[in-house]
């Protein structure tokens, strides 16, 4: 863990000036239903609309000119692919991104605008990851995993570096978990520099892969149903390094339902004029679910991304009975 924390520190130096130092704001939402000492880490305000730019950029900056010239292969439910494509464009390189058929149209369109070759396969992110690895092995190109790579994890962990500078007295961090790269990187840094912090992993009930693997004590295949949290959906790659890291570093797992995710998205739009995707809202919904357990404690909710399609927004707002005109009056990007 200490070695990973050191890598996070190196990544923070490497990424300075290349990614946004995203702000932290008080989570003064009536929707939370209690006096709150919670804060929101606004990672959806990154250039690509997601924290994924940190890990992808850290990985790609470490590649040789020869590796870059050959192009890279990535797998993604959308945000990681956009981050990889953005980092490559900055270096004059290109890549191929495998995505599940269920990928958000907004994310797929952004990938194509960035010049990435997009290949759709299967209905689960794990299928896309496995095919991307096979492609990389066949062609001799570098595979950039969305989570199963220590350089990527170190880049994501720079969120934790900023958190400790912005909220030095934090007691709890709530992070949405898909493959586990973000929470592993953040937790590795915080465990070394503020070991008393409680690390809470947040997952949608319809795609609880990491939760179920941790419960069983091994990486297993876990069925995934359609969820608003498409950015965290899917299973874990066999041998994923994030599994053991989460076993060691995550203190608590919270599962939330689709209604809770939608309600969190709407609450941010109504009260803060902030538009986030379902995977970001999972952590906020978990904060509300924990309720009184967080009372008197300083907590941070990581809002991991904001790349959500207009169709999804309309569906969420319609199900909540919210007036759509209010949600778009602030001009925040989607």
C-alpha atoms as a PDB file:
ATOM      1  CA  UNK A   1       0.000   0.000   0.000  1.00  0.00           C
ATOM      2  CA  UNK A   2       2.803   2.423   0.843  1.00  0.00           C
ATOM      3  CA  UNK A   3       4.392   1.815  -2.573  1.00  0.00           C
ATOM      4  CA  UNK A   4       1.086   2.643  -4.250  1.00  0.00           C
ATOM      5  CA  UNK A   5       0.765   5.791  -2.145  1.00  0.00           C
ATOM      6  CA  UNK A   6       4.221   6.846  -3.324  1.00  0.00           C
ATOM      7  CA  UNK A   7       3.111   6.257  -6.922  1.00  0.00           C
ATOM      8  CA  UNK A   8       0.066   8.450  -6.275  1.00  0.00           C
ATOM      9  CA  UNK A   9       2.382  11.210  -5.087  1.00  0.00           C
ATOM     10  CA  UNK A  10       4.512  10.892  -8.238  1.00  0.00           C
ATOM     11  CA  UNK A  11       1.366  10.976 -10.358  1.00  0.00           C
ATOM     12  CA  UNK A  12       0.250  14.185  -8.674  1.00  0.00           C
ATOM     13  CA  UNK A  13       3.533  15.804  -9.749  1.00  0.00           C
ATOM     14  CA  UNK A  14       3.247  14.445 -13.293  1.00  0.00           C
ATOM     15  CA  UNK A  15      -0.352  15.587 -13.725  1.00  0.00           C
ATOM     16  CA  UNK A  16       0.089  19.086 -12.320  1.00  0.00           C
ATOM     17  CA  UNK A  17      -1.136  21.501 -14.993  1.00  0.00           C
ATOM     18  CA  UNK A  18      -2.441  18.632 -17.166  1.00  0.00           C
ATOM     19  CA  UNK A  19      -5.701  17.928 -15.320  1.00  0.00           C
ATOM     20  CA  UNK A  20      -8.050  20.190 -13.391  1.00  0.00           C
ATOM     21  CA  UNK A  21      -7.691  20.566  -9.645  1.00  0.00           C
ATOM     22  CA  UNK A  22     -11.419  20.201  -9.137  1.00  0.00           C
ATOM     23  CA  UNK A  23     -13.182  22.226  -6.420  1.00  0.00           C
ATOM     24  CA  UNK A  24     -14.795  20.998  -3.219  1.00  0.00           C
ATOM     25  CA  UNK A  25     -18.085  22.594  -2.147  1.00  0.00           C
ATOM     26  CA  UNK A  26     -20.379  22.143   0.875  1.00  0.00           C
ATOM     27  CA  UNK A  27     -23.114  19.574   0.283  1.00  0.00           C
ATOM     28  CA  UNK A  28     -25.801  21.865   1.685  1.00  0.00           C
ATOM     29  CA  UNK A  29     -28.693  19.941   0.135  1.00  0.00           C
ATOM     30  CA  UNK A  30     -32.104  19.873   1.793  1.00  0.00           C
ATOM     31  CA  UNK A  31     -32.559  16.518   0.090  1.00  0.00           C
ATOM     32  CA  UNK A  32     -29.973  14.970   2.419  1.00  0.00           C
ATOM     33  CA  UNK A  33     -32.528  15.498   5.177  1.00  0.00           C
ATOM     34  CA  UNK A  34     -30.209  16.395   8.053  1.00  0.00           C
ATOM     35  CA  UNK A  35     -27.669  18.990   9.132  1.00  0.00           C
ATOM     36  CA  UNK A  36     -24.645  17.992   7.117  1.00  0.00           C
ATOM     37  CA  UNK A  37     -20.898  18.358   7.352  1.00  0.00           C
ATOM     38  CA  UNK A  38     -20.621  16.716   3.955  1.00  0.00           C
ATOM     39  CA  UNK A  39     -18.661  18.115   1.034  1.00  0.00           C
ATOM     40  CA  UNK A  40     -18.847  17.419  -2.695  1.00  0.00           C
ATOM     41  CA  UNK A  41     -15.707  16.806  -4.766  1.00  0.00           C
ATOM     42  CA  UNK A  42     -16.680  18.017  -8.239  1.00  0.00           C
ATOM     43  CA  UNK A  43     -14.819  15.615 -10.518  1.00  0.00           C
ATOM     44  CA  UNK A  44     -17.540  16.018 -13.142  1.00  0.00           C
ATOM     45  CA  UNK A  45     -15.928  19.400 -13.869  1.00  0.00           C
ATOM     46  CA  UNK A  46     -12.803  17.752 -15.311  1.00  0.00           C
ATOM     47  CA  UNK A  47     -12.075  18.595 -18.951  1.00  0.00           C
ATOM     48  CA  UNK A  48     -13.547  15.269 -20.084  1.00  0.00           C
ATOM     49  CA  UNK A  49     -16.379  15.371 -17.544  1.00  0.00           C
ATOM     50  CA  UNK A  50     -14.908  12.559 -15.427  1.00  0.00           C
ATOM     51  CA  UNK A  51     -12.102  11.639 -13.007  1.00  0.00           C
ATOM     52  CA  UNK A  52     -10.904   9.080 -15.574  1.00  0.00           C
ATOM     53  CA  UNK A  53      -8.682  11.695 -17.239  1.00  0.00           C
ATOM     54  CA  UNK A  54      -6.295  11.418 -14.284  1.00  0.00           C
ATOM     55  CA  UNK A  55      -5.511   7.716 -14.618  1.00  0.00           C
ATOM     56  CA  UNK A  56      -5.469   7.613 -18.404  1.00  0.00           C
ATOM     57  CA  UNK A  57      -3.135  10.603 -18.652  1.00  0.00           C
ATOM     58  CA  UNK A  58      -0.769   9.213 -16.014  1.00  0.00           C
ATOM     59  CA  UNK A  59      -0.548   5.896 -17.866  1.00  0.00           C
ATOM     60  CA  UNK A  60      -0.108   7.370 -21.333  1.00  0.00           C
ATOM     61  CA  UNK A  61       2.544   9.890 -20.258  1.00  0.00           C
ATOM     62  CA  UNK A  62       4.613   6.922 -19.129  1.00  0.00           C
ATOM     63  CA  UNK A  63       4.620   5.246 -22.571  1.00  0.00           C
ATOM     64  CA  UNK A  64       7.607   5.374 -24.892  1.00  0.00           C
ATOM     65  CA  UNK A  65       7.457   7.150 -28.297  1.00  0.00           C
ATOM     66  CA  UNK A  66       7.483   3.724 -29.955  1.00  0.00           C
ATOM     67  CA  UNK A  67       4.535   2.530 -27.911  1.00  0.00           C
ATOM     68  CA  UNK A  68       2.587   5.686 -28.690  1.00  0.00           C
ATOM     69  CA  UNK A  69       3.355   5.378 -32.404  1.00  0.00           C
ATOM     70  CA  UNK A  70       1.854   1.894 -32.417  1.00  0.00           C
ATOM     71  CA  UNK A  71      -1.360   3.167 -30.860  1.00  0.00           C
ATOM     72  CA  UNK A  72      -3.090   1.863 -27.759  1.00  0.00           C
ATOM     73  CA  UNK A  73      -6.156  -0.236 -27.029  1.00  0.00           C
ATOM     74  CA  UNK A  74      -8.617   0.528 -24.239  1.00  0.00           C
ATOM     75  CA  UNK A  75     -11.914  -0.791 -22.920  1.00  0.00           C
ATOM     76  CA  UNK A  76     -14.541   1.420 -21.390  1.00  0.00           C
ATOM     77  CA  UNK A  77     -18.177   2.058 -20.622  1.00  0.00           C
ATOM     78  CA  UNK A  78     -17.420   5.525 -22.004  1.00  0.00           C
ATOM     79  CA  UNK A  79     -15.572   7.797 -19.584  1.00  0.00           C
ATOM     80  CA  UNK A  80     -12.248   5.937 -19.561  1.00  0.00           C
ATOM     81  CA  UNK A  81     -12.285   5.738 -23.338  1.00  0.00           C
ATOM     82  CA  UNK A  82     -12.892   9.469 -23.634  1.00  0.00           C
ATOM     83  CA  UNK A  83     -10.035  10.086 -21.200  1.00  0.00           C
ATOM     84  CA  UNK A  84      -7.651   7.840 -23.158  1.00  0.00           C
ATOM     85  CA  UNK A  85      -8.626   9.455 -26.453  1.00  0.00           C
ATOM     86  CA  UNK A  86      -8.150  12.945 -24.988  1.00  0.00           C
ATOM     87  CA  UNK A  87      -4.708  12.098 -23.610  1.00  0.00           C
ATOM     88  CA  UNK A  88      -3.676  10.584 -26.946  1.00  0.00           C
ATOM     89  CA  UNK A  89      -4.857  13.605 -28.938  1.00  0.00           C
ATOM     90  CA  UNK A  90      -2.634  15.799 -26.795  1.00  0.00           C
ATOM     91  CA  UNK A  91       0.355  13.684 -27.855  1.00  0.00           C
ATOM     92  CA  UNK A  92      -0.634  13.302 -31.511  1.00  0.00           C
ATOM     93  CA  UNK A  93      -1.470   9.602 -31.131  1.00  0.00           C
ATOM     94  CA  UNK A  94      -4.564   7.465 -31.710  1.00  0.00           C
ATOM     95  CA  UNK A  95      -6.254   4.460 -30.156  1.00  0.00           C
ATOM     96  CA  UNK A  96      -9.003   1.870 -30.374  1.00  0.00           C
ATOM     97  CA  UNK A  97     -11.659   1.724 -27.665  1.00  0.00           C
ATOM     98  CA  UNK A  98     -13.881  -1.295 -27.042  1.00  0.00           C
ATOM     99  CA  UNK A  99     -17.231  -0.448 -25.448  1.00  0.00           C
ATOM    100  CA  UNK A 100     -20.312  -2.489 -24.472  1.00  0.00           C
ATOM    101  CA  UNK A 101     -23.392  -2.230 -26.662  1.00  0.00           C
ATOM    102  CA  UNK A 102     -25.102  -0.522 -23.715  1.00  0.00           C
ATOM    103  CA  UNK A 103     -22.678   2.430 -23.729  1.00  0.00           C
ATOM    104  CA  UNK A 104     -24.252   5.864 -23.288  1.00  0.00           C
ATOM    105  CA  UNK A 105     -24.814   7.473 -26.708  1.00  0.00           C
ATOM    106  CA  UNK A 106     -23.345  10.711 -25.360  1.00  0.00           C
ATOM    107  CA  UNK A 107     -20.114   8.957 -24.408  1.00  0.00           C
ATOM    108  CA  UNK A 108     -19.846   7.015 -27.670  1.00  0.00           C
ATOM    109  CA  UNK A 109     -20.368  10.197 -29.688  1.00  0.00           C
ATOM    110  CA  UNK A 110     -17.657  12.000 -27.732  1.00  0.00           C
ATOM    111  CA  UNK A 111     -15.232   9.134 -28.376  1.00  0.00           C
ATOM    112  CA  UNK A 112     -15.803   9.348 -32.092  1.00  0.00           C
ATOM    113  CA  UNK A 113     -15.390  13.129 -32.119  1.00  0.00           C
ATOM    114  CA  UNK A 114     -11.984  12.663 -30.503  1.00  0.00           C
ATOM    115  CA  UNK A 115     -10.896  10.393 -33.351  1.00  0.00           C
ATOM    116  CA  UNK A 116     -10.952   7.076 -31.505  1.00  0.00           C
ATOM    117  CA  UNK A 117     -11.874   3.901 -33.343  1.00  0.00           C
ATOM    118  CA  UNK A 118     -14.931   2.639 -31.437  1.00  0.00           C
ATOM    119  CA  UNK A 119     -15.764  -1.062 -31.398  1.00  0.00           C
ATOM    120  CA  UNK A 120     -18.966  -2.219 -29.701  1.00  0.00           C
ATOM    121  CA  UNK A 121     -19.154  -5.690 -28.219  1.00  0.00           C
ATOM    122  CA  UNK A 122     -21.389  -7.465 -25.692  1.00  0.00           C
ATOM    123  CA  UNK A 123     -23.633  -5.999 -23.024  1.00  0.00           C
ATOM    124  CA  UNK A 124     -21.120  -5.962 -20.153  1.00  0.00           C
ATOM    125  CA  UNK A 125     -17.955  -3.916 -19.655  1.00  0.00           C
ATOM    126  CA  UNK A 126     -16.063  -7.105 -18.742  1.00  0.00           C
ATOM    127  CA  UNK A 127     -16.676  -8.539 -22.218  1.00  0.00           C
ATOM    128  CA  UNK A 128     -15.276  -5.368 -23.776  1.00  0.00           C
ATOM    129  CA  UNK A 129     -12.224  -5.518 -21.488  1.00  0.00           C
ATOM    130  CA  UNK A 130     -11.472  -9.119 -22.380  1.00  0.00           C
ATOM    131  CA  UNK A 131     -11.746  -8.464 -26.109  1.00  0.00           C
ATOM    132  CA  UNK A 132      -9.597  -5.330 -25.852  1.00  0.00           C
ATOM    133  CA  UNK A 133      -6.850  -7.310 -24.111  1.00  0.00           C
ATOM    134  CA  UNK A 134      -6.975  -9.963 -26.818  1.00  0.00           C
ATOM    135  CA  UNK A 135      -6.716  -7.265 -29.494  1.00  0.00           C
ATOM    136  CA  UNK A 136      -3.705  -5.691 -27.767  1.00  0.00           C
ATOM    137  CA  UNK A 137      -1.974  -9.074 -27.523  1.00  0.00           C
ATOM    138  CA  UNK A 138      -2.652  -9.874 -31.197  1.00  0.00           C
ATOM    139  CA  UNK A 139      -1.386  -6.525 -32.466  1.00  0.00           C
ATOM    140  CA  UNK A 140       1.432  -5.878 -29.995  1.00  0.00           C
ATOM    141  CA  UNK A 141      -0.149  -2.645 -28.802  1.00  0.00           C
ATOM    142  CA  UNK A 142      -0.368  -1.354 -25.231  1.00  0.00           C
ATOM    143  CA  UNK A 143      -3.607  -2.083 -23.399  1.00  0.00           C
ATOM    144  CA  UNK A 144      -4.793   0.717 -21.096  1.00  0.00           C
ATOM    145  CA  UNK A 145      -7.151  -0.831 -18.545  1.00  0.00           C
ATOM    146  CA  UNK A 146      -9.876   1.298 -16.949  1.00  0.00           C
ATOM    147  CA  UNK A 147      -8.881   0.014 -13.476  1.00  0.00           C
ATOM    148  CA  UNK A 148      -6.609  -3.074 -13.558  1.00  0.00           C
ATOM    149  CA  UNK A 149      -3.347  -1.132 -13.885  1.00  0.00           C
ATOM    150  CA  UNK A 150      -1.261   0.379 -11.091  1.00  0.00           C
ATOM    151  CA  UNK A 151      -0.348   3.458 -13.167  1.00  0.00           C
ATOM    152  CA  UNK A 152      -4.027   4.125 -13.847  1.00  0.00           C
ATOM    153  CA  UNK A 153      -4.890   3.580 -10.173  1.00  0.00           C
ATOM    154  CA  UNK A 154      -2.114   5.977  -9.114  1.00  0.00           C
ATOM    155  CA  UNK A 155      -3.518   8.644 -11.414  1.00  0.00           C
ATOM    156  CA  UNK A 156      -7.015   8.231  -9.999  1.00  0.00           C
ATOM    157  CA  UNK A 157      -5.554   8.446  -6.509  1.00  0.00           C
ATOM    158  CA  UNK A 158      -4.588  12.076  -7.095  1.00  0.00           C
ATOM    159  CA  UNK A 159      -8.200  12.856  -6.180  1.00  0.00           C
ATOM    160  CA  UNK A 160      -7.198  11.816  -2.665  1.00  0.00           C
ATOM    161  CA  UNK A 161      -4.165  14.117  -2.682  1.00  0.00           C
ATOM    162  CA  UNK A 162      -6.426  17.079  -3.447  1.00  0.00           C
ATOM    163  CA  UNK A 163      -9.065  16.004  -0.937  1.00  0.00           C
ATOM    164  CA  UNK A 164      -6.635  16.004   1.953  1.00  0.00           C
ATOM    165  CA  UNK A 165      -5.424  19.477   0.987  1.00  0.00           C
ATOM    166  CA  UNK A 166      -8.964  20.822   0.576  1.00  0.00           C
ATOM    167  CA  UNK A 167     -10.640  19.106   3.560  1.00  0.00           C
ATOM    168  CA  UNK A 168      -7.791  18.250   5.959  1.00  0.00           C
ATOM    169  CA  UNK A 169     -10.145  17.152   8.762  1.00  0.00           C
ATOM    170  CA  UNK A 170     -12.111  14.649   6.672  1.00  0.00           C
ATOM    171  CA  UNK A 171     -13.436  11.563   8.463  1.00  0.00           C
ATOM    172  CA  UNK A 172     -15.215   9.675   5.670  1.00  0.00           C
ATOM    173  CA  UNK A 173     -14.915   9.457   1.890  1.00  0.00           C
ATOM    174  CA  UNK A 174     -17.761   8.053  -0.203  1.00  0.00           C
ATOM    175  CA  UNK A 175     -16.728   6.771  -3.630  1.00  0.00           C
ATOM    176  CA  UNK A 176     -18.692   4.932  -6.319  1.00  0.00           C
ATOM    177  CA  UNK A 177     -17.103   1.576  -7.158  1.00  0.00           C
ATOM    178  CA  UNK A 178     -17.035  -0.142 -10.524  1.00  0.00           C
ATOM    179  CA  UNK A 179     -13.712  -1.844 -11.146  1.00  0.00           C
ATOM    180  CA  UNK A 180     -12.314  -0.213  -8.022  1.00  0.00           C
ATOM    181  CA  UNK A 181      -9.507   1.925  -9.462  1.00  0.00           C
ATOM    182  CA  UNK A 182     -10.744   5.243  -8.076  1.00  0.00           C
ATOM    183  CA  UNK A 183     -11.454   4.062  -4.552  1.00  0.00           C
ATOM    184  CA  UNK A 184      -8.206   2.042  -4.401  1.00  0.00           C
ATOM    185  CA  UNK A 185      -6.081   5.022  -5.431  1.00  0.00           C
ATOM    186  CA  UNK A 186      -7.813   7.461  -3.095  1.00  0.00           C
ATOM    187  CA  UNK A 187      -7.723   5.008  -0.182  1.00  0.00           C
ATOM    188  CA  UNK A 188      -4.041   4.149  -0.662  1.00  0.00           C
ATOM    189  CA  UNK A 189      -3.087   7.821  -0.312  1.00  0.00           C
ATOM    190  CA  UNK A 190      -5.403   8.529   2.614  1.00  0.00           C
ATOM    191  CA  UNK A 191      -4.454   5.407   4.577  1.00  0.00           C
ATOM    192  CA  UNK A 192      -0.846   6.632   4.669  1.00  0.00           C
ATOM    193  CA  UNK A 193      -1.519  10.328   5.230  1.00  0.00           C
ATOM    194  CA  UNK A 194      -4.718  10.223   7.335  1.00  0.00           C
ATOM    195  CA  UNK A 195      -5.161   6.606   8.455  1.00  0.00           C
ATOM    196  CA  UNK A 196      -8.266   7.260  10.563  1.00  0.00           C
ATOM    197  CA  UNK A 197     -10.364   8.102   7.481  1.00  0.00           C
ATOM    198  CA  UNK A 198     -13.208   5.669   6.824  1.00  0.00           C
ATOM    199  CA  UNK A 199     -13.452   4.556   3.175  1.00  0.00           C
ATOM    200  CA  UNK A 200     -16.993   3.822   1.950  1.00  0.00           C
ATOM    201  CA  UNK A 201     -17.582   2.050  -1.365  1.00  0.00           C
ATOM    202  CA  UNK A 202     -20.915   2.808  -3.048  1.00  0.00           C
ATOM    203  CA  UNK A 203     -22.527   0.597  -5.693  1.00  0.00           C
ATOM    204  CA  UNK A 204     -25.844   0.264  -7.537  1.00  0.00           C
ATOM    205  CA  UNK A 205     -27.926  -2.715  -6.448  1.00  0.00           C
ATOM    206  CA  UNK A 206     -28.295  -3.736 -10.073  1.00  0.00           C
ATOM    207  CA  UNK A 207     -24.550  -4.044 -10.664  1.00  0.00           C
ATOM    208  CA  UNK A 208     -22.889  -5.013  -7.360  1.00  0.00           C
ATOM    209  CA  UNK A 209     -19.846  -6.831  -8.785  1.00  0.00           C
ATOM    210  CA  UNK A 210     -17.157  -5.645  -6.374  1.00  0.00           C
ATOM    211  CA  UNK A 211     -19.510  -5.961  -3.400  1.00  0.00           C
ATOM    212  CA  UNK A 212     -20.320  -9.570  -4.217  1.00  0.00           C
ATOM    213  CA  UNK A 213     -16.689 -10.458  -4.914  1.00  0.00           C
ATOM    214  CA  UNK A 214     -15.653  -8.994  -1.562  1.00  0.00           C
ATOM    215  CA  UNK A 215     -18.457 -10.896   0.176  1.00  0.00           C
ATOM    216  CA  UNK A 216     -17.322 -14.181  -1.348  1.00  0.00           C
ATOM    217  CA  UNK A 217     -13.624 -13.486  -0.897  1.00  0.00           C
ATOM    218  CA  UNK A 218     -12.748 -14.021  -4.548  1.00  0.00           C
ATOM    219  CA  UNK A 219     -13.390 -12.584  -8.002  1.00  0.00           C
ATOM    220  CA  UNK A 220     -16.530 -14.234  -9.366  1.00  0.00           C
ATOM    221  CA  UNK A 221     -18.838 -13.580 -12.265  1.00  0.00           C
ATOM    222  CA  UNK A 222     -21.718 -11.405 -11.080  1.00  0.00           C
ATOM    223  CA  UNK A 223     -24.830 -10.786 -13.224  1.00  0.00           C
ATOM    224  CA  UNK A 224     -25.448  -7.115 -14.003  1.00  0.00           C
ATOM    225  CA  UNK A 225     -28.793  -5.527 -14.811  1.00  0.00           C
ATOM    226  CA  UNK A 226     -29.345  -2.214 -16.623  1.00  0.00           C
ATOM    227  CA  UNK A 227     -28.665   0.701 -14.282  1.00  0.00           C
ATOM    228  CA  UNK A 228     -28.490   4.481 -14.341  1.00  0.00           C
ATOM    229  CA  UNK A 229     -24.947   3.967 -13.058  1.00  0.00           C
ATOM    230  CA  UNK A 230     -23.674   2.715 -16.414  1.00  0.00           C
ATOM    231  CA  UNK A 231     -20.224   4.131 -15.647  1.00  0.00           C
ATOM    232  CA  UNK A 232     -19.744   1.642 -12.812  1.00  0.00           C
ATOM    233  CA  UNK A 233     -21.599  -1.323 -14.307  1.00  0.00           C
ATOM    234  CA  UNK A 234     -20.028  -4.645 -15.196  1.00  0.00           C
ATOM    235  CA  UNK A 235     -17.876  -7.360 -13.700  1.00  0.00           C
ATOM    236  CA  UNK A 236     -14.235  -7.563 -12.597  1.00  0.00           C
ATOM    237  CA  UNK A 237     -11.488  -8.880 -14.807  1.00  0.00           C
ATOM    238  CA  UNK A 238      -9.948 -12.117 -13.458  1.00  0.00           C
ATOM    239  CA  UNK A 239      -6.840 -11.280 -11.436  1.00  0.00           C
ATOM    240  CA  UNK A 240      -7.750  -7.592 -11.094  1.00  0.00           C
ATOM    241  CA  UNK A 241      -5.305  -5.888  -8.704  1.00  0.00           C
ATOM    242  CA  UNK A 242      -8.114  -3.703  -7.396  1.00  0.00           C
ATOM    243  CA  UNK A 243      -9.823  -6.654  -5.713  1.00  0.00           C
ATOM    244  CA  UNK A 244      -7.114  -7.210  -3.105  1.00  0.00           C
ATOM    245  CA  UNK A 245      -6.664  -3.464  -2.684  1.00  0.00           C
ATOM    246  CA  UNK A 246     -10.370  -3.072  -1.932  1.00  0.00           C
ATOM    247  CA  UNK A 247     -10.209  -6.035   0.459  1.00  0.00           C
ATOM    248  CA  UNK A 248      -7.475  -4.237   2.375  1.00  0.00           C
ATOM    249  CA  UNK A 249      -8.626  -0.629   2.131  1.00  0.00           C
ATOM    250  CA  UNK A 250     -12.438  -0.379   1.938  1.00  0.00           C
ATOM    251  CA  UNK A 251     -14.186  -0.198   5.312  1.00  0.00           C
ATOM    252  CA  UNK A 252     -17.835  -0.355   4.257  1.00  0.00           C
ATOM    253  CA  UNK A 253     -19.991  -1.100   1.227  1.00  0.00           C
ATOM    254  CA  UNK A 254     -23.350   0.585   0.597  1.00  0.00           C
ATOM    255  CA  UNK A 255     -25.757  -0.516  -2.152  1.00  0.00           C
ATOM    256  CA  UNK A 256     -28.416   1.868  -3.488  1.00  0.00           C
ATOM    257  CA  UNK A 257     -31.436   1.406  -5.724  1.00  0.00           C
ATOM    258  CA  UNK A 258     -32.342   3.047  -9.004  1.00  0.00           C
ATOM    259  CA  UNK A 259     -34.920   5.338  -7.414  1.00  0.00           C
ATOM    260  CA  UNK A 260     -32.289   6.589  -4.991  1.00  0.00           C
ATOM    261  CA  UNK A 261     -29.804   7.240  -7.803  1.00  0.00           C
ATOM    262  CA  UNK A 262     -32.408   9.153  -9.807  1.00  0.00           C
ATOM    263  CA  UNK A 263     -33.437  11.164  -6.749  1.00  0.00           C
ATOM    264  CA  UNK A 264     -29.818  12.160  -6.104  1.00  0.00           C
ATOM    265  CA  UNK A 265     -29.411  13.313  -9.713  1.00  0.00           C
ATOM    266  CA  UNK A 266     -32.580  15.393  -9.489  1.00  0.00           C
ATOM    267  CA  UNK A 267     -31.631  16.865  -6.100  1.00  0.00           C
ATOM    268  CA  UNK A 268     -28.344  18.160  -7.498  1.00  0.00           C
ATOM    269  CA  UNK A 269     -30.138  19.674 -10.495  1.00  0.00           C
ATOM    270  CA  UNK A 270     -32.895  21.296  -8.450  1.00  0.00           C
ATOM    271  CA  UNK A 271     -30.827  22.590  -5.544  1.00  0.00           C
ATOM    272  CA  UNK A 272     -27.383  23.159  -7.037  1.00  0.00           C
ATOM    273  CA  UNK A 273     -27.900  23.282 -10.814  1.00  0.00           C
ATOM    274  CA  UNK A 274     -25.263  20.547 -11.116  1.00  0.00           C
ATOM    275  CA  UNK A 275     -25.707  17.835 -13.734  1.00  0.00           C
ATOM    276  CA  UNK A 276     -24.061  14.505 -12.936  1.00  0.00           C
ATOM    277  CA  UNK A 277     -24.316  11.019 -14.347  1.00  0.00           C
ATOM    278  CA  UNK A 278     -25.772   8.062 -12.493  1.00  0.00           C
ATOM    279  CA  UNK A 279     -22.435   6.716 -11.293  1.00  0.00           C
ATOM    280  CA  UNK A 280     -21.702  10.030  -9.548  1.00  0.00           C
ATOM    281  CA  UNK A 281     -25.152  10.092  -7.977  1.00  0.00           C
ATOM    282  CA  UNK A 282     -24.611   6.634  -6.467  1.00  0.00           C
ATOM    283  CA  UNK A 283     -22.188   8.052  -3.881  1.00  0.00           C
ATOM    284  CA  UNK A 284     -24.532  10.923  -3.016  1.00  0.00           C
ATOM    285  CA  UNK A 285     -27.445   8.497  -2.642  1.00  0.00           C
ATOM    286  CA  UNK A 286     -25.294   6.413  -0.298  1.00  0.00           C
ATOM    287  CA  UNK A 287     -24.560   9.526   1.773  1.00  0.00           C
ATOM    288  CA  UNK A 288     -28.294  10.039   2.260  1.00  0.00           C
ATOM    289  CA  UNK A 289     -28.813   6.337   3.001  1.00  0.00           C
ATOM    290  CA  UNK A 290     -26.189   6.414   5.778  1.00  0.00           C
ATOM    291  CA  UNK A 291     -28.050   9.291   7.414  1.00  0.00           C
ATOM    292  CA  UNK A 292     -27.361   9.618  11.111  1.00  0.00           C
ATOM    293  CA  UNK A 293     -24.222   7.474  11.003  1.00  0.00           C
ATOM    294  CA  UNK A 294     -22.468  10.420   9.335  1.00  0.00           C
ATOM    295  CA  UNK A 295     -23.824  12.989  11.788  1.00  0.00           C
ATOM    296  CA  UNK A 296     -21.041  15.044  13.311  1.00  0.00           C
ATOM    297  CA  UNK A 297     -18.451  13.598  10.934  1.00  0.00           C
ATOM    298  CA  UNK A 298     -16.792  15.427   8.053  1.00  0.00           C
ATOM    299  CA  UNK A 299     -17.495  13.455   4.895  1.00  0.00           C
ATOM    300  CA  UNK A 300     -16.681  13.950   1.233  1.00  0.00           C
ATOM    301  CA  UNK A 301     -18.800  12.594  -1.616  1.00  0.00           C
ATOM    302  CA  UNK A 302     -16.828  12.181  -4.835  1.00  0.00           C
ATOM    303  CA  UNK A 303     -19.024  13.194  -7.793  1.00  0.00           C
ATOM    304  CA  UNK A 304     -17.133  11.120 -10.316  1.00  0.00           C
ATOM    305  CA  UNK A 305     -18.585  12.248 -13.652  1.00  0.00           C
ATOM    306  CA  UNK A 306     -21.120  14.294 -15.555  1.00  0.00           C
ATOM    307  CA  UNK A 307     -21.359  12.645 -18.980  1.00  0.00           C
ATOM    308  CA  UNK A 308     -25.042  11.813 -19.206  1.00  0.00           C
ATOM    309  CA  UNK A 309     -27.202  11.656 -22.313  1.00  0.00           C
ATOM    310  CA  UNK A 310     -30.146  13.980 -22.829  1.00  0.00           C
ATOM    311  CA  UNK A 311     -32.420  10.949 -23.149  1.00  0.00           C
ATOM    312  CA  UNK A 312     -31.360   9.695 -19.709  1.00  0.00           C
ATOM    313  CA  UNK A 313     -31.844  13.131 -18.183  1.00  0.00           C
ATOM    314  CA  UNK A 314     -35.341  13.372 -19.598  1.00  0.00           C
ATOM    315  CA  UNK A 315     -36.187   9.918 -18.260  1.00  0.00           C
ATOM    316  CA  UNK A 316     -34.857  10.726 -14.797  1.00  0.00           C
ATOM    317  CA  UNK A 317     -36.595  14.080 -14.639  1.00  0.00           C
ATOM    318  CA  UNK A 318     -39.825  12.637 -15.951  1.00  0.00           C
ATOM    319  CA  UNK A 319     -39.873   9.833 -13.406  1.00  0.00           C
ATOM    320  CA  UNK A 320     -39.306  12.368 -10.638  1.00  0.00           C
ATOM    321  CA  UNK A 321     -41.970  14.730 -11.924  1.00  0.00           C
ATOM    322  CA  UNK A 322     -39.387  17.514 -12.166  1.00  0.00           C
ATOM    323  CA  UNK A 323     -39.811  20.443 -14.573  1.00  0.00           C
ATOM    324  CA  UNK A 324     -37.104  19.946 -17.202  1.00  0.00           C
ATOM    325  CA  UNK A 325     -36.697  23.640 -17.940  1.00  0.00           C
ATOM    326  CA  UNK A 326     -35.328  24.278 -14.442  1.00  0.00           C
ATOM    327  CA  UNK A 327     -32.658  21.639 -14.814  1.00  0.00           C
ATOM    328  CA  UNK A 328     -31.039  23.261 -17.831  1.00  0.00           C
ATOM    329  CA  UNK A 329     -31.192  26.916 -16.829  1.00  0.00           C
ATOM    330  CA  UNK A 330     -27.670  27.036 -15.381  1.00  0.00           C
ATOM    331  CA  UNK A 331     -25.774  26.201 -18.553  1.00  0.00           C
ATOM    332  CA  UNK A 332     -23.714  23.402 -16.979  1.00  0.00           C
ATOM    333  CA  UNK A 333     -22.279  21.023 -19.530  1.00  0.00           C
ATOM    334  CA  UNK A 334     -23.661  17.499 -19.869  1.00  0.00           C
END
